[in-house]
Amino acid sequence: MCPTTIRAVSQAPVVIVMAAGQGTRMKSKTPKVLHDLLGRPMGLWPVHAALEAGAQKVVVVDSPEKPLEAVLPEGAVAVVQPTANGTGGAVQAAAGHIDPGAPVVVLSGDVPLVTPEAIAALVAAHDGDVTMATTKLDDPSGYGRVVRRADGSVDKVVETKADGDATEDELAIDEINTGIYAFDGAFLLDALPKLSADNAQGELYLPQVLDHAAAVHAYQVGDPNLVLGVNDRVALAHVRAVAQRKLLEDLMRDGVTVTDPASTYVDVDVEVGRDTTLEPGTVLRGKTRIGADCRVGPHVVAVDATIEDGVSIGPFAYLRPGTHLRPGSKIGTFVEVKNSDIGARTKVPHLSYIGDADVGEDTNLGAATITANYDAKSKTKRRTTIGDRVKSSVDVSFVAPVTIGDDAYTAAGSVITDDVPPKALGVARERQRNVEGYADRDKEQ
Protein backbone atom coordinates (compact mmCIF):
# COMPACT_ATOMS: atom_id res chain seq x y z
CA MET A 1 0.00 0.00 0.00
CA CYS A 2 1.24 3.50 -0.82
CA PRO A 3 2.42 5.51 2.18
CA THR A 4 -0.14 8.00 3.48
CA THR A 5 2.31 10.21 5.38
CA ILE A 6 1.45 13.83 4.72
CA ARG A 7 4.45 15.68 3.32
CA ALA A 8 4.94 19.36 2.56
CA VAL A 9 3.56 20.57 -0.77
CA SER A 10 5.71 23.09 -2.64
CA GLN A 11 2.81 24.69 -4.52
CA ALA A 12 -0.87 25.08 -3.73
CA PRO A 13 -3.13 23.05 -6.02
CA VAL A 14 -5.64 24.12 -8.61
CA VAL A 15 -8.94 22.46 -7.70
CA ILE A 16 -11.54 21.65 -10.34
CA VAL A 17 -15.08 20.94 -9.13
CA MET A 18 -17.25 19.17 -11.68
CA ALA A 19 -20.78 20.52 -11.19
CA ALA A 20 -22.40 20.50 -14.63
CA GLY A 21 -24.35 17.24 -14.31
CA GLN A 22 -28.07 17.31 -15.02
CA GLY A 23 -29.07 15.26 -11.97
CA THR A 24 -32.10 13.70 -13.65
CA ARG A 25 -32.54 11.19 -10.83
CA MET A 26 -33.35 14.05 -8.45
CA LYS A 27 -36.59 14.48 -10.44
CA SER A 28 -36.53 18.20 -9.83
CA LYS A 29 -36.68 21.48 -11.72
CA THR A 30 -33.82 22.60 -9.46
CA PRO A 31 -30.33 21.64 -10.68
CA LYS A 32 -28.86 18.95 -8.46
CA VAL A 33 -25.94 21.10 -7.29
CA LEU A 34 -28.38 23.76 -6.01
CA HIS A 35 -30.30 21.41 -3.73
CA ASP A 36 -29.98 22.60 -0.16
CA LEU A 37 -27.60 20.90 2.24
CA LEU A 38 -27.75 22.52 5.69
CA GLY A 39 -28.33 26.01 4.31
CA ARG A 40 -25.74 25.84 1.52
CA PRO A 41 -26.18 24.60 -2.07
CA MET A 42 -24.76 21.09 -2.24
CA GLY A 43 -22.39 21.99 -5.08
CA LEU A 44 -20.71 24.68 -2.97
CA TRP A 45 -19.62 22.30 -0.21
CA PRO A 46 -16.53 21.00 -2.08
CA VAL A 47 -15.83 24.57 -3.27
CA HIS A 48 -15.63 25.84 0.32
CA ALA A 49 -13.58 22.81 1.34
CA ALA A 50 -11.07 23.46 -1.46
CA LEU A 51 -10.73 27.13 -0.52
CA GLU A 52 -10.18 26.23 3.14
CA ALA A 53 -7.57 23.67 2.05
CA GLY A 54 -5.53 26.51 0.53
CA ALA A 55 -6.19 26.02 -3.18
CA GLN A 56 -4.55 28.68 -5.33
CA LYS A 57 -7.66 28.64 -7.52
CA VAL A 58 -10.99 26.80 -7.50
CA VAL A 59 -12.55 26.27 -10.92
CA VAL A 60 -16.21 25.24 -10.94
CA VAL A 61 -17.39 23.55 -14.11
CA ASP A 62 -20.96 24.77 -14.59
CA SER A 63 -23.68 23.81 -17.05
CA PRO A 64 -24.76 26.24 -19.82
CA GLU A 65 -27.57 27.49 -17.57
CA LYS A 66 -24.90 28.61 -15.04
CA PRO A 67 -26.86 27.80 -11.86
CA LEU A 68 -23.82 28.15 -9.59
CA GLU A 69 -22.17 31.22 -11.06
CA ALA A 70 -24.19 33.72 -9.02
CA VAL A 71 -23.53 32.01 -5.67
CA LEU A 72 -19.82 31.21 -5.91
CA PRO A 73 -17.73 32.48 -3.00
CA GLU A 74 -14.77 34.79 -3.49
CA GLY A 75 -11.78 32.85 -4.82
CA ALA A 76 -13.78 30.57 -7.10
CA VAL A 77 -14.34 31.01 -10.83
CA ALA A 78 -16.85 29.35 -13.14
CA VAL A 79 -16.35 27.84 -16.57
CA VAL A 80 -19.07 26.33 -18.74
CA GLN A 81 -19.10 22.79 -20.08
CA PRO A 82 -21.00 23.53 -23.29
CA THR A 83 -22.28 20.00 -23.83
CA ALA A 84 -22.89 17.16 -21.40
CA ASN A 85 -20.08 15.00 -22.74
CA GLY A 86 -18.83 13.34 -19.56
CA THR A 87 -16.33 13.92 -16.79
CA GLY A 88 -13.44 14.15 -19.23
CA GLY A 89 -15.26 16.92 -21.07
CA ALA A 90 -15.82 18.72 -17.77
CA VAL A 91 -12.09 18.82 -16.98
CA GLN A 92 -11.30 19.80 -20.57
CA ALA A 93 -13.58 22.84 -20.08
CA ALA A 94 -11.35 23.91 -17.18
CA ALA A 95 -8.05 23.26 -18.96
CA GLY A 96 -7.35 26.96 -19.44
CA HIS A 97 -7.00 27.36 -15.67
CA ILE A 98 -4.62 24.45 -15.11
CA ASP A 99 -1.13 25.40 -13.93
CA PRO A 100 1.38 22.95 -15.47
CA GLY A 101 3.69 23.46 -12.50
CA ALA A 102 1.13 22.72 -9.79
CA PRO A 103 -0.92 19.71 -8.73
CA VAL A 104 -4.54 19.58 -9.90
CA VAL A 105 -7.26 18.10 -7.71
CA VAL A 106 -10.54 17.04 -9.31
CA LEU A 107 -13.66 16.90 -7.12
CA SER A 108 -17.35 16.38 -7.84
CA GLY A 109 -20.13 18.79 -6.91
CA ASP A 110 -22.31 15.86 -5.87
CA VAL A 111 -19.72 14.54 -3.40
CA PRO A 112 -20.22 17.30 -0.83
CA LEU A 113 -18.69 16.01 2.40
CA VAL A 114 -15.04 15.99 1.38
CA THR A 115 -13.15 18.04 3.96
CA PRO A 116 -10.28 20.54 3.68
CA GLU A 117 -8.15 18.10 5.64
CA ALA A 118 -8.87 15.26 3.19
CA ILE A 119 -8.01 17.48 0.20
CA ALA A 120 -4.77 18.65 1.82
CA ALA A 121 -3.82 15.08 2.73
CA LEU A 122 -4.44 13.89 -0.84
CA VAL A 123 -2.23 16.66 -2.23
CA ALA A 124 0.48 15.96 0.34
CA ALA A 125 0.45 12.25 -0.52
CA HIS A 126 0.36 12.90 -4.29
CA ASP A 127 3.25 11.37 -6.19
CA GLY A 128 3.94 11.08 -9.92
CA ASP A 129 1.36 11.61 -12.65
CA VAL A 130 -1.80 10.54 -10.84
CA THR A 131 -2.90 9.83 -7.28
CA MET A 132 -6.35 8.34 -6.89
CA ALA A 133 -8.38 8.79 -3.72
CA THR A 134 -9.80 5.47 -2.58
CA THR A 135 -11.70 4.23 0.43
CA LYS A 136 -12.86 0.94 1.89
CA LEU A 137 -16.52 -0.01 2.23
CA ASP A 138 -18.18 -2.78 4.18
CA ASP A 139 -20.41 -3.28 1.14
CA PRO A 140 -18.62 -2.16 -2.03
CA SER A 141 -21.32 -3.51 -4.36
CA GLY A 142 -21.67 -1.48 -7.53
CA TYR A 143 -18.40 0.42 -7.12
CA GLY A 144 -15.23 0.06 -9.17
CA ARG A 145 -12.69 -2.08 -7.29
CA VAL A 146 -9.11 -0.88 -6.99
CA VAL A 147 -6.64 -3.63 -7.93
CA ARG A 148 -3.15 -2.87 -6.63
CA ARG A 149 0.27 -4.09 -7.66
CA ALA A 150 2.76 -5.55 -5.22
CA ASP A 151 4.41 -2.14 -4.76
CA GLY A 152 1.10 -0.61 -3.74
CA SER A 153 0.48 1.32 -6.96
CA VAL A 154 -2.80 0.89 -8.82
CA ASP A 155 -2.85 -1.77 -11.51
CA LYS A 156 -6.42 -1.10 -12.64
CA VAL A 157 -9.94 -0.23 -11.57
CA VAL A 158 -12.44 -2.99 -12.32
CA GLU A 159 -16.06 -2.05 -12.84
CA THR A 160 -18.48 -4.43 -11.13
CA LYS A 161 -21.82 -3.39 -12.56
CA ALA A 162 -23.92 -5.59 -14.81
CA ASP A 163 -21.57 -5.10 -17.74
CA GLY A 164 -18.43 -5.57 -15.65
CA ASP A 165 -16.08 -8.54 -15.97
CA ALA A 166 -14.69 -8.73 -12.45
CA THR A 167 -13.35 -12.05 -11.20
CA GLU A 168 -14.33 -13.52 -7.85
CA ASP A 169 -11.02 -12.35 -6.35
CA GLU A 170 -11.65 -8.83 -7.65
CA LEU A 171 -15.19 -8.82 -6.30
CA ALA A 172 -13.76 -9.68 -2.88
CA ILE A 173 -11.78 -6.40 -2.85
CA ASP A 174 -13.34 -3.80 -0.54
CA GLU A 175 -11.27 -0.81 -1.72
CA ILE A 176 -13.11 1.36 -4.23
CA ASN A 177 -12.41 4.32 -6.51
CA THR A 178 -14.00 7.51 -5.14
CA GLY A 179 -13.70 9.51 -8.38
CA ILE A 180 -11.44 12.06 -6.65
CA TYR A 181 -7.98 12.53 -8.14
CA ALA A 182 -4.77 14.52 -7.84
CA PHE A 183 -2.85 15.01 -11.10
CA ASP A 184 0.45 16.51 -12.10
CA GLY A 185 -0.63 19.65 -13.98
CA ALA A 186 1.67 19.17 -16.99
CA PHE A 187 0.71 15.51 -17.32
CA LEU A 188 -3.02 16.31 -17.21
CA LEU A 189 -2.72 19.01 -19.89
CA ASP A 190 -0.91 16.52 -22.10
CA ALA A 191 -3.39 13.69 -21.51
CA LEU A 192 -6.71 15.55 -21.85
CA PRO A 193 -6.57 15.90 -25.67
CA LYS A 194 -6.05 12.14 -25.91
CA LEU A 195 -9.46 11.27 -24.44
CA SER A 196 -11.78 9.39 -26.77
CA ALA A 197 -15.56 9.28 -26.99
CA ASP A 198 -15.42 5.89 -28.69
CA ASN A 199 -17.81 4.17 -26.27
CA ALA A 200 -21.48 3.27 -26.01
CA GLN A 201 -22.37 6.57 -24.36
CA GLY A 202 -20.27 8.69 -26.72
CA GLU A 203 -18.75 10.56 -23.75
CA LEU A 204 -15.28 11.50 -22.55
CA TYR A 205 -14.42 9.79 -19.29
CA LEU A 206 -11.77 11.23 -16.97
CA PRO A 207 -10.51 7.77 -15.85
CA GLN A 208 -9.19 7.31 -19.42
CA VAL A 209 -6.41 9.67 -18.36
CA LEU A 210 -5.05 6.91 -16.14
CA ASP A 211 -4.15 4.86 -19.25
CA HIS A 212 -1.52 7.46 -20.14
CA ALA A 213 0.14 7.62 -16.72
CA ALA A 214 3.50 6.01 -16.03
CA ALA A 215 2.09 4.95 -12.67
CA VAL A 216 -1.08 5.53 -10.68
CA HIS A 217 -0.75 5.83 -6.94
CA ALA A 218 -3.55 5.62 -4.40
CA TYR A 219 -4.33 7.55 -1.25
CA GLN A 220 -6.83 5.86 1.01
CA VAL A 221 -9.41 8.10 2.70
CA GLY A 222 -10.07 6.64 6.13
CA ASP A 223 -13.67 7.85 6.56
CA PRO A 224 -15.90 6.67 3.71
CA ASN A 225 -18.53 9.25 4.67
CA LEU A 226 -16.27 11.94 3.20
CA VAL A 227 -16.70 10.55 -0.30
CA LEU A 228 -20.43 9.80 -0.26
CA GLY A 229 -22.05 10.70 -3.57
CA VAL A 230 -25.57 12.06 -4.13
CA ASN A 231 -27.58 10.80 -7.07
CA ASP A 232 -31.12 11.13 -5.73
CA ARG A 233 -33.05 12.56 -2.80
CA VAL A 234 -32.63 9.41 -0.74
CA ALA A 235 -28.85 9.78 -0.93
CA LEU A 236 -29.17 13.51 -0.20
CA ALA A 237 -31.12 12.76 2.98
CA HIS A 238 -28.41 10.31 4.07
CA VAL A 239 -25.64 12.83 3.39
CA ARG A 240 -27.60 15.51 5.23
CA ALA A 241 -27.91 13.27 8.30
CA VAL A 242 -24.17 12.57 8.27
CA ALA A 243 -23.30 16.26 7.87
CA GLN A 244 -25.78 17.34 10.56
CA ARG A 245 -24.45 14.88 13.09
CA LYS A 246 -20.86 15.99 12.43
CA LEU A 247 -21.82 19.67 12.76
CA LEU A 248 -23.64 19.11 16.06
CA GLU A 249 -20.76 17.05 17.41
CA ASP A 250 -18.39 19.91 16.58
CA LEU A 251 -20.67 22.32 18.45
CA MET A 252 -20.81 20.05 21.47
CA ARG A 253 -17.03 19.70 21.52
CA ASP A 254 -16.84 23.50 21.45
CA GLY A 255 -18.96 23.78 24.60
CA VAL A 256 -22.57 23.82 23.38
CA THR A 257 -25.15 21.52 24.98
CA VAL A 258 -27.43 19.80 22.48
CA THR A 259 -29.91 17.84 24.56
CA ASP A 260 -31.28 15.77 21.67
CA PRO A 261 -29.15 15.82 18.49
CA ALA A 262 -31.70 13.67 16.67
CA SER A 263 -34.29 16.48 16.79
CA THR A 264 -31.98 19.49 16.43
CA TYR A 265 -31.26 21.07 13.04
CA VAL A 266 -28.49 23.61 12.52
CA ASP A 267 -27.26 25.05 9.22
CA VAL A 268 -23.59 25.07 8.31
CA ASP A 269 -23.10 28.85 8.68
CA VAL A 270 -24.77 29.12 12.10
CA GLU A 271 -22.62 30.11 15.08
CA VAL A 272 -23.41 29.17 18.70
CA GLY A 273 -21.52 30.34 21.78
CA ARG A 274 -20.27 28.30 24.73
CA ASP A 275 -22.58 27.13 27.50
CA THR A 276 -25.62 27.69 25.33
CA THR A 277 -28.22 24.93 25.43
CA LEU A 278 -30.20 23.86 22.37
CA GLU A 279 -33.36 22.07 23.44
CA PRO A 280 -35.23 19.46 21.31
CA GLY A 281 -36.95 20.77 18.21
CA THR A 282 -34.57 23.70 17.75
CA VAL A 283 -34.04 24.73 14.10
CA LEU A 284 -31.33 27.31 13.38
CA ARG A 285 -31.15 28.47 9.76
CA GLY A 286 -29.07 30.73 7.55
CA LYS A 287 -26.50 32.93 9.25
CA THR A 288 -28.05 32.88 12.72
CA ARG A 289 -25.62 33.93 15.45
CA ILE A 290 -26.18 32.87 19.07
CA GLY A 291 -24.04 34.08 21.93
CA ALA A 292 -22.92 32.36 25.12
CA ASP A 293 -25.08 31.22 28.04
CA CYS A 294 -28.34 31.19 26.06
CA ARG A 295 -31.21 28.72 26.25
CA VAL A 296 -33.01 28.01 23.00
CA GLY A 297 -36.10 25.84 22.74
CA PRO A 298 -37.77 23.55 22.85
CA HIS A 299 -39.33 23.99 19.40
CA VAL A 300 -37.74 27.26 18.33
CA VAL A 301 -37.05 28.30 14.74
CA ALA A 302 -34.53 31.10 14.07
CA VAL A 303 -33.60 32.31 10.59
CA ASP A 304 -30.79 34.83 10.03
CA ALA A 305 -31.19 36.10 13.59
CA THR A 306 -28.62 37.63 15.95
CA ILE A 307 -28.90 36.56 19.58
CA GLU A 308 -26.48 37.97 22.13
CA ASP A 309 -25.33 36.44 25.44
CA GLY A 310 -27.69 35.23 28.14
CA VAL A 311 -30.87 35.20 26.06
CA SER A 312 -33.79 32.83 26.67
CA ILE A 313 -36.00 31.81 23.72
CA GLY A 314 -39.03 29.55 23.67
CA PRO A 315 -40.68 27.24 23.83
CA PHE A 316 -42.49 27.54 20.49
CA ALA A 317 -40.94 30.79 19.28
CA TYR A 318 -40.18 31.96 15.74
CA LEU A 319 -37.38 34.42 15.01
CA ARG A 320 -37.49 35.67 11.44
CA PRO A 321 -34.71 37.45 9.50
CA GLY A 322 -33.50 40.73 10.95
CA THR A 323 -34.23 39.81 14.56
CA HIS A 324 -31.64 41.09 17.05
CA LEU A 325 -31.97 40.07 20.69
CA ARG A 326 -29.77 42.01 23.10
CA PRO A 327 -28.10 40.46 26.19
CA GLY A 328 -30.41 38.98 28.81
CA SER A 329 -33.60 39.44 26.82
CA LYS A 330 -36.37 36.86 26.74
CA ILE A 331 -38.66 35.69 23.95
CA GLY A 332 -41.30 33.36 25.35
CA THR A 333 -43.99 30.93 24.32
CA PHE A 334 -45.70 31.40 20.96
CA VAL A 335 -43.90 34.65 20.18
CA GLU A 336 -42.90 35.69 16.66
CA VAL A 337 -40.26 38.38 16.08
CA LYS A 338 -39.32 39.79 12.70
CA ASN A 339 -36.85 42.51 11.68
CA SER A 340 -36.81 43.90 15.20
CA ASP A 341 -34.25 44.96 17.80
CA ILE A 342 -35.16 43.80 21.31
CA GLY A 343 -33.26 45.60 24.07
CA ALA A 344 -31.19 44.16 26.88
CA ARG A 345 -33.22 42.38 29.58
CA THR A 346 -36.47 43.12 27.76
CA LYS A 347 -39.15 40.43 27.96
CA VAL A 348 -41.75 39.39 25.41
CA PRO A 349 -43.11 36.46 27.39
CA HIS A 350 -45.95 35.00 25.35
CA LEU A 351 -48.50 35.08 22.52
CA SER A 352 -47.11 38.16 20.78
CA TYR A 353 -46.02 39.38 17.33
CA ILE A 354 -43.25 41.97 17.21
CA GLY A 355 -42.44 43.05 13.65
CA ASP A 356 -40.39 46.00 12.39
CA ALA A 357 -39.87 47.37 15.90
CA ASP A 358 -37.14 48.85 18.04
CA VAL A 359 -37.67 48.03 21.71
CA GLY A 360 -35.52 49.50 24.47
CA GLU A 361 -33.99 47.99 27.58
CA ASP A 362 -35.80 46.53 30.62
CA THR A 363 -39.17 46.69 28.90
CA ASN A 364 -41.97 44.17 29.42
CA LEU A 365 -44.49 43.54 26.68
CA GLY A 366 -47.60 41.82 27.99
CA ALA A 367 -49.33 38.82 26.52
CA ALA A 368 -50.80 39.28 23.04
CA THR A 369 -48.82 42.42 22.23
CA ILE A 370 -49.00 43.13 18.50
CA THR A 371 -47.15 45.62 16.32
CA ALA A 372 -49.36 46.37 13.31
CA ASN A 373 -46.51 47.16 10.95
CA TYR A 374 -48.17 47.18 7.52
CA ASP A 375 -49.42 50.49 6.12
CA ALA A 376 -52.05 49.54 3.55
CA LYS A 377 -52.22 53.05 2.14
CA SER A 378 -48.54 53.30 1.27
CA LYS A 379 -48.12 49.52 0.95
CA THR A 380 -44.97 49.67 3.07
CA LYS A 381 -43.87 48.39 6.45
CA ARG A 382 -43.67 51.03 9.20
CA ARG A 383 -41.65 50.81 12.41
CA THR A 384 -42.73 50.90 16.03
CA THR A 385 -40.39 52.44 18.59
CA ILE A 386 -40.79 51.43 22.24
CA GLY A 387 -38.50 52.98 24.84
CA ASP A 388 -36.77 51.73 27.97
CA ARG A 389 -38.66 50.36 30.98
CA VAL A 390 -42.02 50.42 29.18
CA LYS A 391 -44.85 48.27 30.55
CA SER A 392 -47.53 47.23 28.08
CA SER A 393 -50.51 45.36 29.47
CA VAL A 394 -52.19 42.43 27.73
CA ASP A 395 -53.89 42.66 24.34
CA VAL A 396 -52.22 45.87 23.21
CA SER A 397 -51.78 46.69 19.52
CA PHE A 398 -49.27 49.31 18.39
CA VAL A 399 -50.24 50.68 14.98
CA ALA A 400 -47.05 51.84 13.27
CA PRO A 401 -45.57 54.32 12.93
CA VAL A 402 -45.81 55.07 16.62
CA THR A 403 -43.35 55.88 19.43
CA ILE A 404 -43.74 54.94 23.09
CA GLY A 405 -41.54 56.99 25.43
CA ASP A 406 -39.34 55.70 28.24
CA ASP A 407 -41.10 54.52 31.42
CA ALA A 408 -44.51 54.71 29.72
CA TYR A 409 -47.46 52.36 30.28
CA THR A 410 -50.26 51.18 28.01
CA ALA A 411 -53.60 49.96 29.30
CA ALA A 412 -54.91 46.48 28.61
CA GLY A 413 -56.89 46.09 25.41
CA SER A 414 -55.63 49.35 23.89
CA VAL A 415 -55.06 50.04 20.20
CA ILE A 416 -52.30 52.65 20.27
CA THR A 417 -52.29 54.82 17.16
CA ASP A 418 -50.61 57.96 18.56
CA ASP A 419 -47.31 58.47 20.35
CA VAL A 420 -47.26 58.00 24.12
CA PRO A 421 -44.99 60.47 25.98
CA PRO A 422 -42.43 59.27 28.52
CA LYS A 423 -43.93 58.18 31.87
CA ALA A 424 -47.47 58.54 30.50
CA LEU A 425 -50.26 55.94 30.41
CA GLY A 426 -51.67 55.33 26.94
CA VAL A 427 -55.32 54.27 26.91
CA ALA A 428 -57.16 53.68 23.65
CA ARG A 429 -60.35 51.67 24.14
CA GLU A 430 -64.08 52.11 24.64
CA ARG A 431 -65.16 52.85 28.19
CA GLN A 432 -66.84 49.84 29.81
CA ARG A 433 -70.64 50.03 30.02
CA ASN A 434 -72.66 47.51 32.07
CA VAL A 435 -76.24 46.78 30.97
CA GLU A 436 -78.19 45.81 34.11
CA GLY A 437 -80.68 42.93 33.79
CA TYR A 438 -79.38 41.89 30.38
CA ALA A 439 -79.50 38.15 31.17
CA ASP A 440 -83.16 38.27 32.19
CA ARG A 441 -84.11 40.22 29.07
CA ASP A 442 -82.24 37.74 26.92
CA LYS A 443 -84.25 34.84 28.40
CA GLU A 444 -87.54 36.63 27.78
CA GLN A 445 -86.65 37.19 24.14
Foldseek 3Di string as FASTA:
>chain_A
DQDLDFDDFPDAAEEEEEQADQLVQQVDPDRQQQPDFQFGRLLCLVVVQSVVLPHQAYEYEHEPVCPCQVPHDPRYYYFYLDDPFEPLSSVVRVLVVFDLQHKYKYHYSQLRQAHSVNVSSQRRSDDFFKEFEKEFDPQCPQFWAFDADPVQFTPDTFGDPPPTDDDPVRNPGRIGTLPIMMGNRNLSSVQSVVFFLPDPVSHGYPVVSVVVTPTYHYHYDYDCLSSQGDSYVVSSVVNSVVVQVVVVVVVVVQAEAEPDSVQERHGPQEEEEHCEYEYGQEHEHDNEYAYHQEYEDDNEYAYCEYHYPCEYEDHCEYEYHLHYEEHLEYHYYDEYEYNEYAEHNEYAHEQEYHYQEYAYELEYEEHHEYEQQADPVVRDGAYDYEYYHEYEYHQEYEYPPEYEEDCEYEDHNADHDYYHYHVYYHYHDDDDDDDPPPVVVVVVD
